[in-house]
Amino acid sequence: MSWPVRKIAKRKSVVAVVLVWFHPYGSPRHNSLLSAHQRHIFPNRYKTINFFWFWAEQKTPPRTTSCRINLIINLFAFRSRAMNSVLFISVAVAVFLSLSHLSFAAETPCLPTAPDAEGPFYKPNAPIRESTGRGLTVSGKVMSAGSCMIIPGARVEWWQANKQGKYDDEHRGAQLTSSEGRYHFETDSPPSYFFRPPHIHVKISASGYQTLTTQIYPKEGQSTIRFDFVLIKK
């Protein structure tokens, strides 16, 4: 990349960094700005960079923080000799943040569950049911951040792709938590598609609490998942 072209690209990326910084992780605007930023920095390696960037983000619980640090790292990776090391640095930062998050979580009870992208396939008013398939059981509690107080009557919605990688109404469901704040449903093991790992989208809403949208990532061969959702009071 010649000096004048690199200078123009850098100016555009500075603007992109500022805009991405103030948009929530996973929002459509955030994703489009992030892609534009990466294309300016890595015009010949965009697909490779995007894949590893996404992998690092998925492995890191505090996603907004890791994303912002990765933006700073990439902003200064304009010289060709620096581009080969940016992937290693990004993944290293993601791993460090992940370990830091786990250490902090061990000391602080009932941390809020990290939000994750809703994606384009959410449909409201999912039917009340206990099963959307067979083979994978998901259960847990819905609790309040800090106090760990259980939240009865919280609405838990889930949706996922079918075995062909397509979203359909047969794999959408909802239920209310019990008097003990518990939920329990069974579904098919979700497939991976378009470089995405297997995942289940979940949305939890309860009176007096902020709505949480996140994702669960089953491991290969896993048949049971225990996952507690922790909500933040309004």
Protein backbone atom coordinates (compact mmCIF):
# COMPACT_ATOMS: atom_id res chain seq x y z
CA MET A 1 0.00 0.00 0.00
CA SER A 2 1.54 3.36 -1.07
CA TRP A 3 1.99 6.15 1.47
CA PRO A 4 -0.87 8.40 0.14
CA VAL A 5 -3.29 5.46 -0.03
CA ARG A 6 -2.25 4.25 3.41
CA LYS A 7 -2.73 7.74 4.82
CA ILE A 8 -6.29 7.99 3.42
CA ALA A 9 -7.16 4.50 4.65
CA LYS A 10 -5.83 5.32 8.08
CA ARG A 11 -7.99 8.44 8.31
CA LYS A 12 -11.08 6.41 7.38
CA SER A 13 -10.19 3.75 9.93
CA VAL A 14 -9.78 6.30 12.70
CA VAL A 15 -13.35 7.43 12.01
CA ALA A 16 -14.53 3.80 11.93
CA VAL A 17 -12.84 3.06 15.26
CA VAL A 18 -14.55 6.01 16.91
CA LEU A 19 -17.96 4.99 15.56
CA VAL A 20 -17.59 1.29 16.42
CA TRP A 21 -16.39 2.21 19.92
CA PHE A 22 -19.72 3.77 20.80
CA HIS A 23 -22.02 1.15 19.24
CA PRO A 24 -23.08 -1.94 21.27
CA TYR A 25 -21.33 -5.18 20.39
CA GLY A 26 -23.40 -7.29 18.02
CA SER A 27 -25.67 -4.50 16.78
CA PRO A 28 -26.16 -4.31 12.98
CA ARG A 29 -24.49 -0.89 12.89
CA HIS A 30 -21.54 -2.16 14.91
CA ASN A 31 -21.02 -5.16 12.63
CA SER A 32 -21.16 -3.11 9.42
CA LEU A 33 -18.73 -0.51 10.75
CA LEU A 34 -16.37 -3.18 12.03
CA SER A 35 -16.33 -4.91 8.63
CA ALA A 36 -15.62 -1.60 6.88
CA HIS A 37 -12.78 -0.90 9.30
CA GLN A 38 -11.21 -4.31 8.65
CA ARG A 39 -11.50 -3.94 4.88
CA HIS A 40 -9.55 -0.65 5.00
CA ILE A 41 -6.76 -2.16 7.08
CA PHE A 42 -6.58 -5.58 5.45
CA PRO A 43 -7.82 -5.18 1.84
CA ASN A 44 -6.13 -8.43 0.74
CA ARG A 45 -6.70 -10.47 3.88
CA TYR A 46 -10.15 -9.44 4.98
CA LYS A 47 -11.75 -12.93 5.02
CA THR A 48 -8.90 -14.48 7.02
CA ILE A 49 -8.76 -11.59 9.49
CA ASN A 50 -12.54 -11.60 9.91
CA PHE A 51 -12.61 -15.33 10.71
CA PHE A 52 -9.93 -15.10 13.42
CA TRP A 53 -11.38 -11.87 14.79
CA PHE A 54 -14.77 -13.58 15.19
CA TRP A 55 -13.13 -16.62 16.80
CA ALA A 56 -11.32 -14.45 19.35
CA GLU A 57 -14.49 -12.52 20.17
CA GLN A 58 -16.49 -15.72 20.75
CA LYS A 59 -13.84 -17.02 23.14
CA THR A 60 -13.91 -13.88 25.27
CA PRO A 61 -16.78 -13.23 27.73
CA PRO A 62 -16.27 -9.41 28.04
CA ARG A 63 -16.76 -8.98 24.29
CA THR A 64 -17.11 -5.20 24.16
CA THR A 65 -13.80 -4.69 25.96
CA SER A 66 -11.91 -7.18 23.81
CA CYS A 67 -13.40 -5.70 20.65
CA ARG A 68 -12.22 -2.21 21.61
CA ILE A 69 -8.71 -3.42 22.40
CA ASN A 70 -8.58 -5.29 19.10
CA LEU A 71 -9.60 -2.10 17.30
CA ILE A 72 -6.68 -0.25 18.87
CA ILE A 73 -4.27 -3.05 17.92
CA ASN A 74 -5.50 -3.10 14.32
CA LEU A 75 -5.49 0.68 14.01
CA PHE A 76 -1.70 0.70 14.31
CA ALA A 77 -1.10 -2.39 12.19
CA PHE A 78 -0.63 -0.53 8.90
CA ARG A 79 2.87 -1.52 7.99
CA SER A 80 3.06 -4.84 6.15
CA ARG A 81 5.55 -6.25 8.65
CA ALA A 82 3.02 -5.70 11.45
CA MET A 83 0.11 -7.42 9.69
CA ASN A 84 1.52 -10.92 10.16
CA SER A 85 1.56 -10.53 13.94
CA VAL A 86 -1.84 -8.86 14.41
CA LEU A 87 -3.75 -12.17 14.47
CA PHE A 88 -1.51 -13.55 17.21
CA ILE A 89 -1.85 -10.36 19.25
CA SER A 90 -5.65 -10.32 18.87
CA VAL A 91 -6.03 -13.93 20.03
CA ALA A 92 -3.55 -13.37 22.88
CA VAL A 93 -5.57 -10.39 24.09
CA ALA A 94 -8.79 -12.43 23.89
CA VAL A 95 -7.28 -15.26 25.95
CA PHE A 96 -5.89 -12.83 28.55
CA LEU A 97 -9.26 -11.10 28.93
CA SER A 98 -11.02 -14.45 29.17
CA LEU A 99 -8.74 -15.60 32.01
CA SER A 100 -9.12 -12.26 33.76
CA HIS A 101 -12.91 -12.52 33.48
CA LEU A 102 -12.91 -16.03 34.96
CA SER A 103 -10.74 -14.91 37.88
CA PHE A 104 -12.99 -11.94 38.59
CA ALA A 105 -16.12 -14.08 38.29
CA ALA A 106 -14.79 -16.49 40.91
CA GLU A 107 -14.61 -13.64 43.41
CA THR A 108 -17.88 -11.92 42.54
CA PRO A 109 -21.13 -13.92 42.85
CA CYS A 110 -23.92 -13.58 40.30
CA LEU A 111 -22.25 -11.41 37.70
CA PRO A 112 -24.64 -10.31 34.92
CA THR A 113 -24.71 -12.71 31.98
CA ALA A 114 -22.81 -11.25 29.03
CA PRO A 115 -25.13 -10.26 26.15
CA ASP A 116 -24.57 -11.62 22.67
CA ALA A 117 -25.86 -10.80 19.19
CA GLU A 118 -29.57 -11.35 18.60
CA GLY A 119 -29.06 -12.04 14.93
CA PRO A 120 -31.60 -11.49 12.14
CA PHE A 121 -33.84 -14.52 12.80
CA TYR A 122 -35.60 -13.63 16.04
CA LYS A 123 -39.40 -13.76 15.91
CA PRO A 124 -41.51 -12.64 18.88
CA ASN A 125 -44.35 -14.64 20.45
CA ALA A 126 -42.67 -18.03 20.35
CA PRO A 127 -45.07 -20.77 21.54
CA ILE A 128 -44.91 -22.04 25.11
CA ARG A 129 -43.36 -25.50 25.00
CA GLU A 130 -40.84 -27.73 26.72
CA SER A 131 -39.26 -29.30 23.66
CA THR A 132 -38.13 -28.27 20.19
CA GLY A 133 -36.23 -31.46 19.43
CA ARG A 134 -34.29 -34.32 20.99
CA GLY A 135 -30.76 -34.93 22.13
CA LEU A 136 -29.76 -31.76 24.00
CA THR A 137 -31.20 -30.75 27.37
CA VAL A 138 -30.72 -27.16 28.59
CA SER A 139 -31.65 -26.15 32.13
CA GLY A 140 -30.78 -23.67 34.84
CA LYS A 141 -32.03 -20.73 36.85
CA VAL A 142 -32.78 -17.08 36.19
CA MET A 143 -31.38 -14.85 38.92
CA SER A 144 -30.80 -11.22 39.85
CA ALA A 145 -27.30 -9.77 39.57
CA GLY A 146 -25.47 -9.21 42.83
CA SER A 147 -28.06 -10.62 45.22
CA CYS A 148 -28.47 -13.98 43.38
CA MET A 149 -32.20 -13.73 44.10
CA ILE A 150 -34.21 -16.14 41.96
CA ILE A 151 -36.67 -14.65 39.45
CA PRO A 152 -39.89 -16.68 39.11
CA GLY A 153 -42.11 -16.04 36.10
CA ALA A 154 -39.28 -14.86 33.85
CA ARG A 155 -39.90 -15.55 30.16
CA VAL A 156 -37.17 -17.62 28.51
CA GLU A 157 -37.25 -17.72 24.70
CA TRP A 158 -34.91 -19.73 22.50
CA TRP A 159 -34.44 -20.19 18.78
CA GLN A 160 -31.86 -21.99 16.65
CA ALA A 161 -31.10 -23.42 13.24
CA ASN A 162 -32.34 -26.88 12.29
CA LYS A 163 -30.04 -29.69 11.21
CA GLN A 164 -29.83 -28.19 7.70
CA GLY A 165 -28.64 -24.85 9.07
CA LYS A 166 -31.98 -23.10 8.46
CA TYR A 167 -34.09 -21.30 11.04
CA ASP A 168 -37.67 -22.54 11.30
CA ASP A 169 -40.67 -22.26 13.63
CA GLU A 170 -40.19 -25.83 14.88
CA HIS A 171 -37.03 -24.70 16.66
CA ARG A 172 -38.53 -21.72 18.47
CA GLY A 173 -39.91 -22.02 21.97
CA ALA A 174 -40.61 -20.19 25.20
CA GLN A 175 -41.47 -20.94 28.80
CA LEU A 176 -41.82 -19.20 32.16
CA THR A 177 -39.50 -19.99 35.03
CA SER A 178 -40.94 -21.90 37.99
CA SER A 179 -41.45 -20.61 41.52
CA GLU A 180 -37.80 -21.57 42.10
CA GLY A 181 -36.64 -19.59 39.07
CA ARG A 182 -35.89 -22.72 37.05
CA TYR A 183 -36.30 -23.44 33.34
CA HIS A 184 -35.79 -26.69 31.41
CA PHE A 185 -36.15 -27.54 27.73
CA GLU A 186 -34.94 -30.13 25.24
CA THR A 187 -33.92 -29.43 21.67
CA ASP A 188 -31.83 -30.72 18.77
CA SER A 189 -28.10 -30.17 18.84
CA PRO A 190 -27.58 -27.08 16.66
CA PRO A 191 -25.27 -27.34 13.64
CA SER A 192 -22.47 -25.01 12.66
CA TYR A 193 -22.96 -22.86 9.56
CA PHE A 194 -21.14 -20.04 7.74
CA PHE A 195 -18.06 -20.41 9.99
CA ARG A 196 -20.26 -20.00 13.07
CA PRO A 197 -19.95 -22.53 15.91
CA PRO A 198 -23.09 -24.39 17.05
CA HIS A 199 -25.23 -22.03 19.11
CA ILE A 200 -28.68 -21.42 20.57
CA HIS A 201 -30.11 -17.91 20.79
CA VAL A 202 -31.81 -17.02 24.07
CA LYS A 203 -33.81 -14.00 25.20
CA ILE A 204 -34.85 -13.58 28.85
CA SER A 205 -37.30 -10.94 30.04
CA ALA A 206 -38.75 -10.28 33.49
CA SER A 207 -40.66 -7.44 35.11
CA GLY A 208 -38.29 -4.92 36.68
CA TYR A 209 -35.24 -6.23 34.82
CA GLN A 210 -33.41 -5.38 31.63
CA THR A 211 -34.11 -7.84 28.83
CA LEU A 212 -31.12 -10.09 28.16
CA THR A 213 -30.31 -11.45 24.71
CA THR A 214 -27.43 -13.90 24.57
CA GLN A 215 -26.31 -17.23 23.09
CA ILE A 216 -25.41 -20.68 24.39
CA TYR A 217 -22.58 -22.58 22.67
CA PRO A 218 -22.90 -26.39 23.04
CA LYS A 219 -19.73 -28.43 22.71
CA GLU A 220 -19.47 -31.32 20.28
CA GLY A 221 -21.20 -34.40 21.65
CA GLN A 222 -22.67 -32.53 24.62
CA SER A 223 -26.12 -33.74 25.67
CA THR A 224 -26.73 -31.66 28.81
CA ILE A 225 -26.11 -27.98 29.48
CA ARG A 226 -26.53 -26.21 32.79
CA PHE A 227 -26.71 -22.45 32.23
CA ASP A 228 -27.86 -19.84 34.74
CA PHE A 229 -28.95 -16.45 33.42
CA VAL A 230 -28.28 -13.39 35.59
CA LEU A 231 -30.30 -10.26 34.84
CA ILE A 232 -29.69 -6.60 35.72
CA LYS A 233 -32.37 -4.58 37.48
CA LYS A 234 -33.75 -1.55 35.63
